[in-house]
């Protein structure tokens, strides 16, 4: 498998111009809480038109794709958010879109995919993960947009870092939910050039923390994966093609419990009136542990696509 390549700063800056008509410049706000170990800020990607940062990468990749490559449509593999980003962009370009989803994908995300005109193919988790690894789904026509390792997707993701640095030049650390590494590595690639003293941490949940295990071992490790309400991040292993980037660019993986994520979701609703899905809450939960440092810490609230009944249940049970 070919190693993923981090986007250049020039490519990320070009992506910013390219996606300006699709993705929003999202606000960076202070977490309204008096008892935090750091000055915690929230990068509100849940406010994107599809409720997730994934619109940035999907828009950039598809606007760069040659017209001939789009002739038979596009497809991706996603638990929901990248699916919406690709479906949104496909609708904009007038091409068909198919999404391969794991069997545990939340209904609220599936409904959104269909509203955007995407065709859904639901498969068992292991089969879905194989699509991520192999970059193909047998029998499916069209251009495959990889949700993680596509360099043009990562360039779109990296535009978040440009905005963070403009709004908070003195940022000390950024905490990013870790799904496959496409978001965290793209943000880190910008900061390594423009703010090298800033650290970039991956946030993982204890039921699905392959990066933490791999960093401890110094090589990719497979872990037991347990699905939970934190459905936007986590897998049984780190992608081999992303491991060189993640191990080089990231300053560590901060692992939190489901209860800590639930508490963070509750805090966001109560104090900032922010609705976040589990992945976005994981970044905040990780910052609240103090392990990201005590300076100005930015948490990427990666998305807000969570079923309201599920959110109500999670925060009602939070301690």
C-alpha atoms as a PDB file:
ATOM      1  CA  UNK A   1       0.000   0.000   0.000  1.00  0.00           C
ATOM      2  CA  UNK A   2       1.333   3.381  -1.020  1.00  0.00           C
ATOM      3  CA  UNK A   3       2.130   5.722   1.871  1.00  0.00           C
ATOM      4  CA  UNK A   4      -0.183   8.713   2.228  1.00  0.00           C
ATOM      5  CA  UNK A   5       1.386  12.079   1.464  1.00  0.00           C
ATOM      6  CA  UNK A   6       0.704  15.152   3.595  1.00  0.00           C
ATOM      7  CA  UNK A   7      -0.509  18.155   1.603  1.00  0.00           C
ATOM      8  CA  UNK A   8       1.851  21.080   1.158  1.00  0.00           C
ATOM      9  CA  UNK A   9       1.108  24.456   2.682  1.00  0.00           C
ATOM     10  CA  UNK A  10       0.667  25.831  -0.837  1.00  0.00           C
ATOM     11  CA  UNK A  11      -1.902  23.129  -1.631  1.00  0.00           C
ATOM     12  CA  UNK A  12      -3.826  23.912   1.556  1.00  0.00           C
ATOM     13  CA  UNK A  13      -3.858  27.620   0.815  1.00  0.00           C
ATOM     14  CA  UNK A  14      -5.083  26.895  -2.713  1.00  0.00           C
ATOM     15  CA  UNK A  15      -7.774  24.618  -1.292  1.00  0.00           C
ATOM     16  CA  UNK A  16      -8.990  27.452   0.892  1.00  0.00           C
ATOM     17  CA  UNK A  17      -9.701  29.575  -2.165  1.00  0.00           C
ATOM     18  CA  UNK A  18     -11.200  26.650  -4.058  1.00  0.00           C
ATOM     19  CA  UNK A  19     -13.762  25.662  -1.411  1.00  0.00           C
ATOM     20  CA  UNK A  20     -14.689  29.172  -0.285  1.00  0.00           C
ATOM     21  CA  UNK A  21     -18.105  28.941  -1.938  1.00  0.00           C
ATOM     22  CA  UNK A  22     -18.972  25.654  -0.248  1.00  0.00           C
ATOM     23  CA  UNK A  23     -17.396  25.433   3.205  1.00  0.00           C
ATOM     24  CA  UNK A  24     -17.880  28.062   5.893  1.00  0.00           C
ATOM     25  CA  UNK A  25     -15.153  29.795   7.839  1.00  0.00           C
ATOM     26  CA  UNK A  26     -16.296  28.500  11.212  1.00  0.00           C
ATOM     27  CA  UNK A  27     -16.028  30.479  14.461  1.00  0.00           C
ATOM     28  CA  UNK A  28     -13.483  29.870  17.206  1.00  0.00           C
ATOM     29  CA  UNK A  29     -15.045  30.523  20.603  1.00  0.00           C
ATOM     30  CA  UNK A  30     -14.005  30.121  24.250  1.00  0.00           C
ATOM     31  CA  UNK A  31     -15.488  27.253  26.238  1.00  0.00           C
ATOM     32  CA  UNK A  32     -17.737  28.783  28.884  1.00  0.00           C
ATOM     33  CA  UNK A  33     -16.487  26.979  31.950  1.00  0.00           C
ATOM     34  CA  UNK A  34     -14.703  28.306  35.019  1.00  0.00           C
ATOM     35  CA  UNK A  35     -13.113  24.999  35.996  1.00  0.00           C
ATOM     36  CA  UNK A  36     -10.828  23.973  33.173  1.00  0.00           C
ATOM     37  CA  UNK A  37      -7.110  23.115  33.199  1.00  0.00           C
ATOM     38  CA  UNK A  38      -6.432  25.403  30.235  1.00  0.00           C
ATOM     39  CA  UNK A  39      -7.933  28.168  28.113  1.00  0.00           C
ATOM     40  CA  UNK A  40     -10.068  25.910  25.963  1.00  0.00           C
ATOM     41  CA  UNK A  41     -11.385  27.111  22.622  1.00  0.00           C
ATOM     42  CA  UNK A  42     -13.868  25.413  20.315  1.00  0.00           C
ATOM     43  CA  UNK A  43     -13.439  25.285  16.542  1.00  0.00           C
ATOM     44  CA  UNK A  44     -17.080  24.784  15.558  1.00  0.00           C
ATOM     45  CA  UNK A  45     -17.032  22.576  12.477  1.00  0.00           C
ATOM     46  CA  UNK A  46     -20.470  21.322  13.515  1.00  0.00           C
ATOM     47  CA  UNK A  47     -21.763  24.549  11.931  1.00  0.00           C
ATOM     48  CA  UNK A  48     -20.783  23.517   8.401  1.00  0.00           C
ATOM     49  CA  UNK A  49     -23.770  23.087   6.021  1.00  0.00           C
ATOM     50  CA  UNK A  50     -23.569  19.307   6.428  1.00  0.00           C
ATOM     51  CA  UNK A  51     -22.803  19.540  10.158  1.00  0.00           C
ATOM     52  CA  UNK A  52     -19.204  18.349   9.758  1.00  0.00           C
ATOM     53  CA  UNK A  53     -15.715  19.392   8.638  1.00  0.00           C
ATOM     54  CA  UNK A  54     -15.857  16.714   5.949  1.00  0.00           C
ATOM     55  CA  UNK A  55     -17.337  19.195   3.492  1.00  0.00           C
ATOM     56  CA  UNK A  56     -13.929  20.867   3.247  1.00  0.00           C
ATOM     57  CA  UNK A  57     -12.027  17.827   2.027  1.00  0.00           C
ATOM     58  CA  UNK A  58     -14.785  16.410  -0.139  1.00  0.00           C
ATOM     59  CA  UNK A  59     -15.327  19.735  -1.900  1.00  0.00           C
ATOM     60  CA  UNK A  60     -11.634  20.219  -2.590  1.00  0.00           C
ATOM     61  CA  UNK A  61     -11.090  16.706  -3.932  1.00  0.00           C
ATOM     62  CA  UNK A  62     -14.114  16.757  -6.204  1.00  0.00           C
ATOM     63  CA  UNK A  63     -13.489  20.257  -7.548  1.00  0.00           C
ATOM     64  CA  UNK A  64     -10.000  19.110  -8.496  1.00  0.00           C
ATOM     65  CA  UNK A  65     -11.195  15.897 -10.184  1.00  0.00           C
ATOM     66  CA  UNK A  66     -11.057  15.912 -14.012  1.00  0.00           C
ATOM     67  CA  UNK A  67     -14.463  15.926 -15.685  1.00  0.00           C
ATOM     68  CA  UNK A  68     -13.743  12.562 -17.302  1.00  0.00           C
ATOM     69  CA  UNK A  69     -13.099  10.983 -13.895  1.00  0.00           C
ATOM     70  CA  UNK A  70     -16.556  12.039 -12.725  1.00  0.00           C
ATOM     71  CA  UNK A  71     -18.365  10.613 -15.762  1.00  0.00           C
ATOM     72  CA  UNK A  72     -19.539   7.499 -13.896  1.00  0.00           C
ATOM     73  CA  UNK A  73     -20.166   9.307 -10.628  1.00  0.00           C
ATOM     74  CA  UNK A  74     -18.359   9.044  -7.320  1.00  0.00           C
ATOM     75  CA  UNK A  75     -18.410   6.860  -4.250  1.00  0.00           C
ATOM     76  CA  UNK A  76     -16.852   6.749  -0.816  1.00  0.00           C
ATOM     77  CA  UNK A  77     -16.795   4.646   2.349  1.00  0.00           C
ATOM     78  CA  UNK A  78     -18.031   6.478   5.412  1.00  0.00           C
ATOM     79  CA  UNK A  79     -19.908   6.117   8.669  1.00  0.00           C
ATOM     80  CA  UNK A  80     -21.845   9.214   7.721  1.00  0.00           C
ATOM     81  CA  UNK A  81     -20.015  12.540   7.645  1.00  0.00           C
ATOM     82  CA  UNK A  82     -17.680  12.040   4.666  1.00  0.00           C
ATOM     83  CA  UNK A  83     -20.658  10.475   2.934  1.00  0.00           C
ATOM     84  CA  UNK A  84     -22.565  13.712   3.352  1.00  0.00           C
ATOM     85  CA  UNK A  85     -19.609  15.762   2.157  1.00  0.00           C
ATOM     86  CA  UNK A  86     -19.257  13.701  -1.027  1.00  0.00           C
ATOM     87  CA  UNK A  87     -23.026  13.588  -1.606  1.00  0.00           C
ATOM     88  CA  UNK A  88     -23.276  17.369  -1.153  1.00  0.00           C
ATOM     89  CA  UNK A  89     -20.464  17.953  -3.629  1.00  0.00           C
ATOM     90  CA  UNK A  90     -21.843  15.389  -6.090  1.00  0.00           C
ATOM     91  CA  UNK A  91     -25.211  17.126  -6.049  1.00  0.00           C
ATOM     92  CA  UNK A  92     -23.450  20.435  -6.695  1.00  0.00           C
ATOM     93  CA  UNK A  93     -21.647  18.956  -9.707  1.00  0.00           C
ATOM     94  CA  UNK A  94     -24.659  17.004 -10.960  1.00  0.00           C
ATOM     95  CA  UNK A  95     -23.089  13.538 -10.717  1.00  0.00           C
ATOM     96  CA  UNK A  96     -24.407  10.383  -8.996  1.00  0.00           C
ATOM     97  CA  UNK A  97     -23.037   9.377  -5.602  1.00  0.00           C
ATOM     98  CA  UNK A  98     -22.905   6.031  -3.810  1.00  0.00           C
ATOM     99  CA  UNK A  99     -21.826   5.535  -0.207  1.00  0.00           C
ATOM    100  CA  UNK A 100     -20.660   2.294   1.394  1.00  0.00           C
ATOM    101  CA  UNK A 101     -21.573   2.474   5.093  1.00  0.00           C
ATOM    102  CA  UNK A 102     -20.939   0.122   8.041  1.00  0.00           C
ATOM    103  CA  UNK A 103     -23.944  -1.646   9.499  1.00  0.00           C
ATOM    104  CA  UNK A 104     -23.750   0.397  12.723  1.00  0.00           C
ATOM    105  CA  UNK A 105     -23.993   3.796  10.986  1.00  0.00           C
ATOM    106  CA  UNK A 106     -26.509   6.004  12.829  1.00  0.00           C
ATOM    107  CA  UNK A 107     -29.866   6.559  11.182  1.00  0.00           C
ATOM    108  CA  UNK A 108     -29.622  10.329  11.445  1.00  0.00           C
ATOM    109  CA  UNK A 109     -26.560  10.252   9.187  1.00  0.00           C
ATOM    110  CA  UNK A 110     -28.143   7.771   6.771  1.00  0.00           C
ATOM    111  CA  UNK A 111     -31.202  10.008   6.465  1.00  0.00           C
ATOM    112  CA  UNK A 112     -28.959  12.968   5.681  1.00  0.00           C
ATOM    113  CA  UNK A 113     -27.132  11.030   2.945  1.00  0.00           C
ATOM    114  CA  UNK A 114     -30.425  10.191   1.272  1.00  0.00           C
ATOM    115  CA  UNK A 115     -31.679  13.771   1.535  1.00  0.00           C
ATOM    116  CA  UNK A 116     -28.578  14.831  -0.380  1.00  0.00           C
ATOM    117  CA  UNK A 117     -29.282  12.280  -3.102  1.00  0.00           C
ATOM    118  CA  UNK A 118     -26.729   9.631  -2.145  1.00  0.00           C
ATOM    119  CA  UNK A 119     -27.338   5.927  -2.681  1.00  0.00           C
ATOM    120  CA  UNK A 120     -26.515   3.816   0.385  1.00  0.00           C
ATOM    121  CA  UNK A 121     -24.857   0.389   0.376  1.00  0.00           C
ATOM    122  CA  UNK A 122     -24.807  -1.034   3.915  1.00  0.00           C
ATOM    123  CA  UNK A 123     -22.242  -3.756   4.694  1.00  0.00           C
ATOM    124  CA  UNK A 124     -20.798  -5.426   7.818  1.00  0.00           C
ATOM    125  CA  UNK A 125     -18.134  -3.398   9.590  1.00  0.00           C
ATOM    126  CA  UNK A 126     -15.241  -5.650   8.555  1.00  0.00           C
ATOM    127  CA  UNK A 127     -16.269  -5.478   4.893  1.00  0.00           C
ATOM    128  CA  UNK A 128     -16.607  -1.699   5.147  1.00  0.00           C
ATOM    129  CA  UNK A 129     -13.155  -1.412   6.712  1.00  0.00           C
ATOM    130  CA  UNK A 130     -11.728  -3.440   3.833  1.00  0.00           C
ATOM    131  CA  UNK A 131     -13.032  -0.791   1.424  1.00  0.00           C
ATOM    132  CA  UNK A 132     -11.099   1.813   3.407  1.00  0.00           C
ATOM    133  CA  UNK A 133      -7.955  -0.319   3.219  1.00  0.00           C
ATOM    134  CA  UNK A 134      -8.209  -1.329  -0.438  1.00  0.00           C
ATOM    135  CA  UNK A 135      -9.589   1.949  -1.842  1.00  0.00           C
ATOM    136  CA  UNK A 136     -12.251   0.074  -3.794  1.00  0.00           C
ATOM    137  CA  UNK A 137     -15.595  -1.702  -3.503  1.00  0.00           C
ATOM    138  CA  UNK A 138     -15.813  -4.604  -5.959  1.00  0.00           C
ATOM    139  CA  UNK A 139     -18.373  -4.001  -8.688  1.00  0.00           C
ATOM    140  CA  UNK A 140     -18.847  -0.324  -7.926  1.00  0.00           C
ATOM    141  CA  UNK A 141     -18.210   2.110 -10.764  1.00  0.00           C
ATOM    142  CA  UNK A 142     -17.100   5.701 -10.431  1.00  0.00           C
ATOM    143  CA  UNK A 143     -14.323   7.699  -8.826  1.00  0.00           C
ATOM    144  CA  UNK A 144     -13.480   6.593  -5.283  1.00  0.00           C
ATOM    145  CA  UNK A 145     -12.947   9.488  -2.868  1.00  0.00           C
ATOM    146  CA  UNK A 146     -10.969   8.121   0.067  1.00  0.00           C
ATOM    147  CA  UNK A 147     -12.231   9.654   3.329  1.00  0.00           C
ATOM    148  CA  UNK A 148      -8.809   9.734   4.982  1.00  0.00           C
ATOM    149  CA  UNK A 149      -5.656   9.412   2.896  1.00  0.00           C
ATOM    150  CA  UNK A 150      -6.525  11.295  -0.299  1.00  0.00           C
ATOM    151  CA  UNK A 151      -4.051  14.197  -0.386  1.00  0.00           C
ATOM    152  CA  UNK A 152      -6.638  16.565  -1.880  1.00  0.00           C
ATOM    153  CA  UNK A 153      -9.087  15.653   0.876  1.00  0.00           C
ATOM    154  CA  UNK A 154      -6.411  16.337   3.478  1.00  0.00           C
ATOM    155  CA  UNK A 155      -5.622  19.680   1.838  1.00  0.00           C
ATOM    156  CA  UNK A 156      -9.231  20.698   2.319  1.00  0.00           C
ATOM    157  CA  UNK A 157      -9.106  19.549   5.942  1.00  0.00           C
ATOM    158  CA  UNK A 158      -5.959  21.574   6.531  1.00  0.00           C
ATOM    159  CA  UNK A 159      -7.785  24.838   5.878  1.00  0.00           C
ATOM    160  CA  UNK A 160      -9.056  24.534   9.449  1.00  0.00           C
ATOM    161  CA  UNK A 161      -5.527  25.118  10.730  1.00  0.00           C
ATOM    162  CA  UNK A 162      -5.146  28.301   8.693  1.00  0.00           C
ATOM    163  CA  UNK A 163      -8.280  29.700  10.334  1.00  0.00           C
ATOM    164  CA  UNK A 164      -7.184  28.669  13.817  1.00  0.00           C
ATOM    165  CA  UNK A 165      -3.844  30.434  13.435  1.00  0.00           C
ATOM    166  CA  UNK A 166      -5.487  33.616  12.165  1.00  0.00           C
ATOM    167  CA  UNK A 167      -7.947  33.709  15.067  1.00  0.00           C
ATOM    168  CA  UNK A 168      -5.559  32.519  17.793  1.00  0.00           C
ATOM    169  CA  UNK A 169      -1.913  33.023  16.710  1.00  0.00           C
ATOM    170  CA  UNK A 170      -0.641  32.086  20.177  1.00  0.00           C
ATOM    171  CA  UNK A 171      -2.324  28.641  20.214  1.00  0.00           C
ATOM    172  CA  UNK A 172      -0.343  26.177  22.309  1.00  0.00           C
ATOM    173  CA  UNK A 173      -2.079  22.949  21.349  1.00  0.00           C
ATOM    174  CA  UNK A 174      -4.826  21.605  19.112  1.00  0.00           C
ATOM    175  CA  UNK A 175      -6.803  18.500  20.039  1.00  0.00           C
ATOM    176  CA  UNK A 176      -8.326  16.669  17.078  1.00  0.00           C
ATOM    177  CA  UNK A 177     -10.649  13.643  17.036  1.00  0.00           C
ATOM    178  CA  UNK A 178      -8.803  10.696  15.473  1.00  0.00           C
ATOM    179  CA  UNK A 179     -10.723   8.575  13.012  1.00  0.00           C
ATOM    180  CA  UNK A 180      -8.266   7.706  10.288  1.00  0.00           C
ATOM    181  CA  UNK A 181      -5.833  10.578  10.769  1.00  0.00           C
ATOM    182  CA  UNK A 182      -6.740  12.684   7.748  1.00  0.00           C
ATOM    183  CA  UNK A 183      -7.898  15.628   9.853  1.00  0.00           C
ATOM    184  CA  UNK A 184      -5.261  15.552  12.585  1.00  0.00           C
ATOM    185  CA  UNK A 185      -2.345  15.031  10.195  1.00  0.00           C
ATOM    186  CA  UNK A 186      -3.467  17.801   7.863  1.00  0.00           C
ATOM    187  CA  UNK A 187      -3.801  20.258  10.748  1.00  0.00           C
ATOM    188  CA  UNK A 188      -0.412  19.191  12.078  1.00  0.00           C
ATOM    189  CA  UNK A 189       1.214  19.646   8.672  1.00  0.00           C
ATOM    190  CA  UNK A 190       0.217  23.317   8.744  1.00  0.00           C
ATOM    191  CA  UNK A 191       1.266  23.922  12.330  1.00  0.00           C
ATOM    192  CA  UNK A 192       4.651  22.272  11.845  1.00  0.00           C
ATOM    193  CA  UNK A 193       5.445  25.023   9.336  1.00  0.00           C
ATOM    194  CA  UNK A 194       3.632  28.080  10.696  1.00  0.00           C
ATOM    195  CA  UNK A 195       3.538  27.398  14.464  1.00  0.00           C
ATOM    196  CA  UNK A 196       6.072  24.632  15.203  1.00  0.00           C
ATOM    197  CA  UNK A 197       5.918  25.161  18.958  1.00  0.00           C
ATOM    198  CA  UNK A 198       2.222  24.215  19.007  1.00  0.00           C
ATOM    199  CA  UNK A 199       1.401  20.588  19.742  1.00  0.00           C
ATOM    200  CA  UNK A 200      -1.229  18.516  17.979  1.00  0.00           C
ATOM    201  CA  UNK A 201      -2.884  15.696  19.912  1.00  0.00           C
ATOM    202  CA  UNK A 202      -5.245  13.015  18.672  1.00  0.00           C
ATOM    203  CA  UNK A 203      -8.325  12.335  20.792  1.00  0.00           C
ATOM    204  CA  UNK A 204      -9.490   8.733  21.020  1.00  0.00           C
ATOM    205  CA  UNK A 205     -12.109   6.942  23.061  1.00  0.00           C
ATOM    206  CA  UNK A 206     -11.100   3.937  25.145  1.00  0.00           C
ATOM    207  CA  UNK A 207     -13.412   1.562  23.257  1.00  0.00           C
ATOM    208  CA  UNK A 208     -11.564   2.287  19.993  1.00  0.00           C
ATOM    209  CA  UNK A 209      -8.037   3.647  20.469  1.00  0.00           C
ATOM    210  CA  UNK A 210      -5.699   2.040  17.921  1.00  0.00           C
ATOM    211  CA  UNK A 211      -3.405   5.055  17.622  1.00  0.00           C
ATOM    212  CA  UNK A 212      -2.595   5.090  21.327  1.00  0.00           C
ATOM    213  CA  UNK A 213      -1.756   1.378  21.250  1.00  0.00           C
ATOM    214  CA  UNK A 214       0.334   1.794  18.105  1.00  0.00           C
ATOM    215  CA  UNK A 215       2.289   4.760  19.457  1.00  0.00           C
ATOM    216  CA  UNK A 216       3.114   2.795  22.598  1.00  0.00           C
ATOM    217  CA  UNK A 217       4.338  -0.136  20.518  1.00  0.00           C
ATOM    218  CA  UNK A 218       6.097   1.955  17.888  1.00  0.00           C
ATOM    219  CA  UNK A 219       4.235   0.111  15.138  1.00  0.00           C
ATOM    220  CA  UNK A 220       0.681  -0.447  13.944  1.00  0.00           C
ATOM    221  CA  UNK A 221      -1.299  -2.602  16.356  1.00  0.00           C
ATOM    222  CA  UNK A 222      -4.768  -4.117  16.145  1.00  0.00           C
ATOM    223  CA  UNK A 223      -7.073  -3.583  19.109  1.00  0.00           C
ATOM    224  CA  UNK A 224     -10.531  -4.722  20.154  1.00  0.00           C
ATOM    225  CA  UNK A 225     -13.065  -2.296  18.698  1.00  0.00           C
ATOM    226  CA  UNK A 226     -16.412  -1.751  20.411  1.00  0.00           C
ATOM    227  CA  UNK A 227     -19.026   0.433  18.667  1.00  0.00           C
ATOM    228  CA  UNK A 228     -20.556   3.185  20.802  1.00  0.00           C
ATOM    229  CA  UNK A 229     -22.338   6.527  20.515  1.00  0.00           C
ATOM    230  CA  UNK A 230     -18.923   7.895  19.515  1.00  0.00           C
ATOM    231  CA  UNK A 231     -19.433   6.633  15.967  1.00  0.00           C
ATOM    232  CA  UNK A 232     -17.382   9.156  13.978  1.00  0.00           C
ATOM    233  CA  UNK A 233     -13.949   7.992  15.173  1.00  0.00           C
ATOM    234  CA  UNK A 234     -12.250   4.764  16.116  1.00  0.00           C
ATOM    235  CA  UNK A 235     -11.382   1.521  14.377  1.00  0.00           C
ATOM    236  CA  UNK A 236      -9.628  -1.752  15.060  1.00  0.00           C
ATOM    237  CA  UNK A 237      -6.326  -0.457  13.705  1.00  0.00           C
ATOM    238  CA  UNK A 238      -4.521   2.535  12.258  1.00  0.00           C
ATOM    239  CA  UNK A 239      -4.367   2.530   8.470  1.00  0.00           C
ATOM    240  CA  UNK A 240      -0.930   1.349   7.386  1.00  0.00           C
ATOM    241  CA  UNK A 241      -0.734   4.107   4.790  1.00  0.00           C
ATOM    242  CA  UNK A 242      -1.419   6.769   7.452  1.00  0.00           C
ATOM    243  CA  UNK A 243       0.874   5.417  10.165  1.00  0.00           C
ATOM    244  CA  UNK A 244       4.072   7.128   8.946  1.00  0.00           C
ATOM    245  CA  UNK A 245       2.332  10.514   8.940  1.00  0.00           C
ATOM    246  CA  UNK A 246       0.504  10.060  12.237  1.00  0.00           C
ATOM    247  CA  UNK A 247       3.572   8.776  14.078  1.00  0.00           C
ATOM    248  CA  UNK A 248       5.698  11.640  12.759  1.00  0.00           C
ATOM    249  CA  UNK A 249       3.320  14.610  12.919  1.00  0.00           C
ATOM    250  CA  UNK A 250       1.241  14.010  16.059  1.00  0.00           C
ATOM    251  CA  UNK A 251       2.436  14.628  19.597  1.00  0.00           C
ATOM    252  CA  UNK A 252       0.426  11.827  21.138  1.00  0.00           C
ATOM    253  CA  UNK A 253      -2.996  10.258  21.552  1.00  0.00           C
ATOM    254  CA  UNK A 254      -5.184  11.279  24.483  1.00  0.00           C
ATOM    255  CA  UNK A 255      -7.613   8.514  25.395  1.00  0.00           C
ATOM    256  CA  UNK A 256     -10.867   9.293  27.208  1.00  0.00           C
ATOM    257  CA  UNK A 257     -13.739   7.198  28.498  1.00  0.00           C
ATOM    258  CA  UNK A 258     -17.275   7.169  27.148  1.00  0.00           C
ATOM    259  CA  UNK A 259     -18.371   8.789  30.398  1.00  0.00           C
ATOM    260  CA  UNK A 260     -15.883  11.633  29.912  1.00  0.00           C
ATOM    261  CA  UNK A 261     -17.177  12.181  26.370  1.00  0.00           C
ATOM    262  CA  UNK A 262     -20.752  12.210  27.649  1.00  0.00           C
ATOM    263  CA  UNK A 263     -19.771  14.797  30.242  1.00  0.00           C
ATOM    264  CA  UNK A 264     -18.156  16.946  27.553  1.00  0.00           C
ATOM    265  CA  UNK A 265     -21.284  16.775  25.371  1.00  0.00           C
ATOM    266  CA  UNK A 266     -23.362  17.857  28.338  1.00  0.00           C
ATOM    267  CA  UNK A 267     -20.987  20.720  29.118  1.00  0.00           C
ATOM    268  CA  UNK A 268     -21.100  21.953  25.516  1.00  0.00           C
ATOM    269  CA  UNK A 269     -24.895  22.004  25.519  1.00  0.00           C
ATOM    270  CA  UNK A 270     -25.237  23.620  28.946  1.00  0.00           C
ATOM    271  CA  UNK A 271     -22.496  26.241  28.713  1.00  0.00           C
ATOM    272  CA  UNK A 272     -22.139  27.069  25.005  1.00  0.00           C
ATOM    273  CA  UNK A 273     -25.412  25.787  23.535  1.00  0.00           C
ATOM    274  CA  UNK A 274     -23.310  23.697  21.143  1.00  0.00           C
ATOM    275  CA  UNK A 275     -24.574  20.381  19.807  1.00  0.00           C
ATOM    276  CA  UNK A 276     -21.675  18.037  19.097  1.00  0.00           C
ATOM    277  CA  UNK A 277     -21.543  14.395  18.134  1.00  0.00           C
ATOM    278  CA  UNK A 278     -19.404  11.978  20.094  1.00  0.00           C
ATOM    279  CA  UNK A 279     -16.241  12.537  18.047  1.00  0.00           C
ATOM    280  CA  UNK A 280     -16.327  16.290  18.607  1.00  0.00           C
ATOM    281  CA  UNK A 281     -17.032  15.744  22.284  1.00  0.00           C
ATOM    282  CA  UNK A 282     -13.989  13.479  22.540  1.00  0.00           C
ATOM    283  CA  UNK A 283     -11.650  16.354  21.683  1.00  0.00           C
ATOM    284  CA  UNK A 284     -13.177  18.510  24.420  1.00  0.00           C
ATOM    285  CA  UNK A 285     -13.089  15.640  26.917  1.00  0.00           C
ATOM    286  CA  UNK A 286      -9.391  15.108  26.152  1.00  0.00           C
ATOM    287  CA  UNK A 287      -8.582  18.790  26.704  1.00  0.00           C
ATOM    288  CA  UNK A 288     -10.489  18.743  29.993  1.00  0.00           C
ATOM    289  CA  UNK A 289      -8.132  16.068  31.337  1.00  0.00           C
ATOM    290  CA  UNK A 290      -5.316  18.611  31.246  1.00  0.00           C
ATOM    291  CA  UNK A 291      -3.085  16.319  29.176  1.00  0.00           C
ATOM    292  CA  UNK A 292      -2.995  18.777  26.277  1.00  0.00           C
ATOM    293  CA  UNK A 293      -1.332  21.365  28.497  1.00  0.00           C
ATOM    294  CA  UNK A 294      -2.501  24.453  30.336  1.00  0.00           C
ATOM    295  CA  UNK A 295      -2.084  27.132  27.682  1.00  0.00           C
ATOM    296  CA  UNK A 296      -4.458  28.095  24.893  1.00  0.00           C
ATOM    297  CA  UNK A 297      -5.890  24.793  23.685  1.00  0.00           C
ATOM    298  CA  UNK A 298      -8.146  24.486  20.637  1.00  0.00           C
ATOM    299  CA  UNK A 299     -10.559  21.565  20.374  1.00  0.00           C
ATOM    300  CA  UNK A 300     -11.857  20.743  16.921  1.00  0.00           C
ATOM    301  CA  UNK A 301     -15.573  20.069  17.338  1.00  0.00           C
ATOM    302  CA  UNK A 302     -15.547  17.989  14.185  1.00  0.00           C
ATOM    303  CA  UNK A 303     -19.289  17.533  13.748  1.00  0.00           C
ATOM    304  CA  UNK A 304     -22.735  17.751  15.234  1.00  0.00           C
ATOM    305  CA  UNK A 305     -24.578  14.956  13.454  1.00  0.00           C
ATOM    306  CA  UNK A 306     -26.072  13.049  16.346  1.00  0.00           C
ATOM    307  CA  UNK A 307     -29.605  11.780  16.783  1.00  0.00           C
ATOM    308  CA  UNK A 308     -31.390  14.045  19.261  1.00  0.00           C
ATOM    309  CA  UNK A 309     -32.865  11.134  21.205  1.00  0.00           C
ATOM    310  CA  UNK A 310     -29.399   9.618  21.521  1.00  0.00           C
ATOM    311  CA  UNK A 311     -27.916  12.955  22.602  1.00  0.00           C
ATOM    312  CA  UNK A 312     -30.640  13.421  25.212  1.00  0.00           C
ATOM    313  CA  UNK A 313     -29.996   9.937  26.588  1.00  0.00           C
ATOM    314  CA  UNK A 314     -26.223  10.390  26.663  1.00  0.00           C
ATOM    315  CA  UNK A 315     -26.256  13.728  28.459  1.00  0.00           C
ATOM    316  CA  UNK A 316     -29.042  12.692  30.852  1.00  0.00           C
ATOM    317  CA  UNK A 317     -26.841   9.818  32.018  1.00  0.00           C
ATOM    318  CA  UNK A 318     -23.663  11.925  32.160  1.00  0.00           C
ATOM    319  CA  UNK A 319     -22.220  12.534  35.602  1.00  0.00           C
END
